[in-house]
């Protein structure tokens, strides 16, 4: 009895990457969707961001992510959002992510607009009273 044999070539997944490849991969992964927390759009941020601080690439490279805000009073380096007080309508903040593994690093910038708080009833009454005086 003759046995049929069939050879199948199976590509094994990439088991390792260089730090540069890992950083490139994570840089591509790090988007608004990864940091937005419960916010819907970059132009109307109202609550804290969810900033990931590390990720393991598909090739097993551990990549660290740190953040620097150009206005830490509005968005801290850890993603805490403090909305501007009335009457400031909104404030744009640049948040820079540094993505690194070993001596390899890249940066990625996010331009975010934090929506100001609305006028409270007390502020409205005070404003009207000041106008009438």
Protein backbone atom coordinates (compact mmCIF):
# COMPACT_ATOMS: atom_id res chain seq x y z
CA UNK A 1 0.00 0.00 0.00
CA UNK A 2 1.47 3.33 -1.11
CA UNK A 3 1.33 6.21 1.32
CA UNK A 4 0.77 9.70 0.01
CA UNK A 5 2.90 12.31 1.67
CA UNK A 6 2.25 15.98 1.56
CA UNK A 7 4.71 18.64 2.60
CA UNK A 8 3.32 21.84 4.03
CA UNK A 9 5.49 24.88 4.54
CA UNK A 10 4.41 26.80 7.60
CA UNK A 11 5.92 30.16 8.32
CA UNK A 12 6.70 30.50 11.97
CA UNK A 13 5.88 33.84 13.52
CA UNK A 14 8.66 36.32 14.07
CA UNK A 15 9.98 35.54 17.50
CA UNK A 16 12.14 38.58 18.01
CA UNK A 17 12.63 42.13 16.86
CA UNK A 18 15.32 44.71 17.25
CA UNK A 19 14.56 47.57 19.65
CA UNK A 20 14.19 49.83 16.61
CA UNK A 21 11.54 47.56 15.09
CA UNK A 22 9.71 47.35 18.42
CA UNK A 23 9.70 51.13 18.84
CA UNK A 24 8.46 51.59 15.25
CA UNK A 25 5.64 49.13 15.86
CA UNK A 26 4.52 50.77 19.11
CA UNK A 27 4.79 54.23 17.54
CA UNK A 28 2.34 53.10 14.87
CA UNK A 29 0.05 51.57 17.51
CA UNK A 30 0.00 54.68 19.73
CA UNK A 31 -2.91 56.73 18.40
CA UNK A 32 -5.66 58.93 19.80
CA UNK A 33 -7.76 55.79 20.30
CA UNK A 34 -5.11 54.40 22.67
CA UNK A 35 -4.91 57.50 24.90
CA UNK A 36 -8.41 59.03 24.77
CA UNK A 37 -9.85 57.42 27.88
CA UNK A 38 -13.58 58.29 27.86
CA UNK A 39 -13.14 61.29 25.55
CA UNK A 40 -14.65 61.12 22.06
CA UNK A 41 -12.58 63.58 20.04
CA UNK A 42 -9.24 65.36 20.34
CA UNK A 43 -10.92 68.75 19.96
CA UNK A 44 -13.23 68.38 22.98
CA UNK A 45 -11.27 66.76 25.82
CA UNK A 46 -13.16 66.95 29.13
CA UNK A 47 -11.92 64.03 31.27
CA UNK A 48 -8.62 62.37 32.12
CA UNK A 49 -6.68 60.58 29.40
CA UNK A 50 -5.68 56.92 29.64
CA UNK A 51 -1.97 57.04 28.89
CA UNK A 52 -0.28 53.65 28.44
CA UNK A 53 3.27 53.65 29.82
CA UNK A 54 4.57 50.47 28.20
CA UNK A 55 3.73 47.86 25.59
CA UNK A 56 5.35 44.63 24.47
CA UNK A 57 5.69 44.52 20.69
CA UNK A 58 4.65 41.50 18.65
CA UNK A 59 8.31 40.48 18.56
CA UNK A 60 8.65 40.57 22.35
CA UNK A 61 10.39 43.94 22.71
CA UNK A 62 9.33 45.87 25.82
CA UNK A 63 8.77 49.48 24.82
CA UNK A 64 8.36 52.28 27.36
CA UNK A 65 6.21 55.36 26.79
CA UNK A 66 6.50 58.64 28.70
CA UNK A 67 4.65 61.89 28.17
CA UNK A 68 5.41 65.60 28.38
CA UNK A 69 2.72 68.28 28.26
CA UNK A 70 3.43 71.84 27.19
CA UNK A 71 0.76 73.00 29.68
CA UNK A 72 0.72 70.81 32.79
CA UNK A 73 -1.91 73.03 34.44
CA UNK A 74 -4.43 71.76 31.85
CA UNK A 75 -3.10 68.24 31.05
CA UNK A 76 -0.51 66.76 33.40
CA UNK A 77 2.29 64.49 32.23
CA UNK A 78 0.22 61.58 33.60
CA UNK A 79 -2.94 62.53 31.67
CA UNK A 80 -4.91 64.28 34.42
CA UNK A 81 -7.16 66.90 32.79
CA UNK A 82 -8.07 70.16 34.53
CA UNK A 83 -10.60 72.06 32.47
CA UNK A 84 -10.04 75.83 32.15
CA UNK A 85 -12.34 77.93 34.31
CA UNK A 86 -15.07 80.09 32.82
CA UNK A 87 -14.80 82.38 30.81
CA UNK A 88 -11.95 80.58 29.02
CA UNK A 89 -13.67 78.62 26.24
CA UNK A 90 -10.94 76.07 25.51
CA UNK A 91 -7.20 75.54 25.59
CA UNK A 92 -5.02 73.62 23.13
CA UNK A 93 -2.28 71.50 24.68
CA UNK A 94 0.53 69.63 22.93
CA UNK A 95 1.21 66.26 24.52
CA UNK A 96 4.44 64.62 23.38
CA UNK A 97 4.92 60.87 23.80
CA UNK A 98 8.46 59.50 23.95
CA UNK A 99 8.48 55.89 22.83
CA UNK A 100 11.70 54.06 23.72
CA UNK A 101 13.48 50.77 24.13
CA UNK A 102 17.11 50.77 25.21
CA UNK A 103 18.91 53.59 23.40
CA UNK A 104 16.28 53.79 20.62
CA UNK A 105 13.55 56.41 20.93
CA UNK A 106 10.98 58.25 18.85
CA UNK A 107 8.50 60.96 19.68
CA UNK A 108 4.89 61.44 18.70
CA UNK A 109 2.87 64.58 19.29
CA UNK A 110 -0.82 64.91 20.01
CA UNK A 111 -2.58 68.27 19.75
CA UNK A 112 -5.50 68.21 22.18
CA UNK A 113 -8.13 70.85 22.90
CA UNK A 114 -9.50 70.86 26.44
CA UNK A 115 -12.99 72.35 26.63
CA UNK A 116 -13.46 75.06 29.26
CA UNK A 117 -16.00 74.80 32.03
CA UNK A 118 -19.38 76.41 31.47
CA UNK A 119 -20.58 79.33 33.50
CA UNK A 120 -22.11 78.40 36.85
CA UNK A 121 -25.36 79.95 38.08
CA UNK A 122 -23.44 81.91 40.74
CA UNK A 123 -21.08 83.31 38.10
CA UNK A 124 -24.03 84.30 35.93
CA UNK A 125 -25.78 86.13 38.79
CA UNK A 126 -22.54 87.90 39.73
CA UNK A 127 -21.98 88.91 36.11
CA UNK A 128 -25.53 90.32 35.80
CA UNK A 129 -25.23 92.16 39.13
CA UNK A 130 -21.92 93.71 38.06
CA UNK A 131 -23.49 94.79 34.79
CA UNK A 132 -26.49 96.41 36.51
CA UNK A 133 -24.43 98.38 39.01
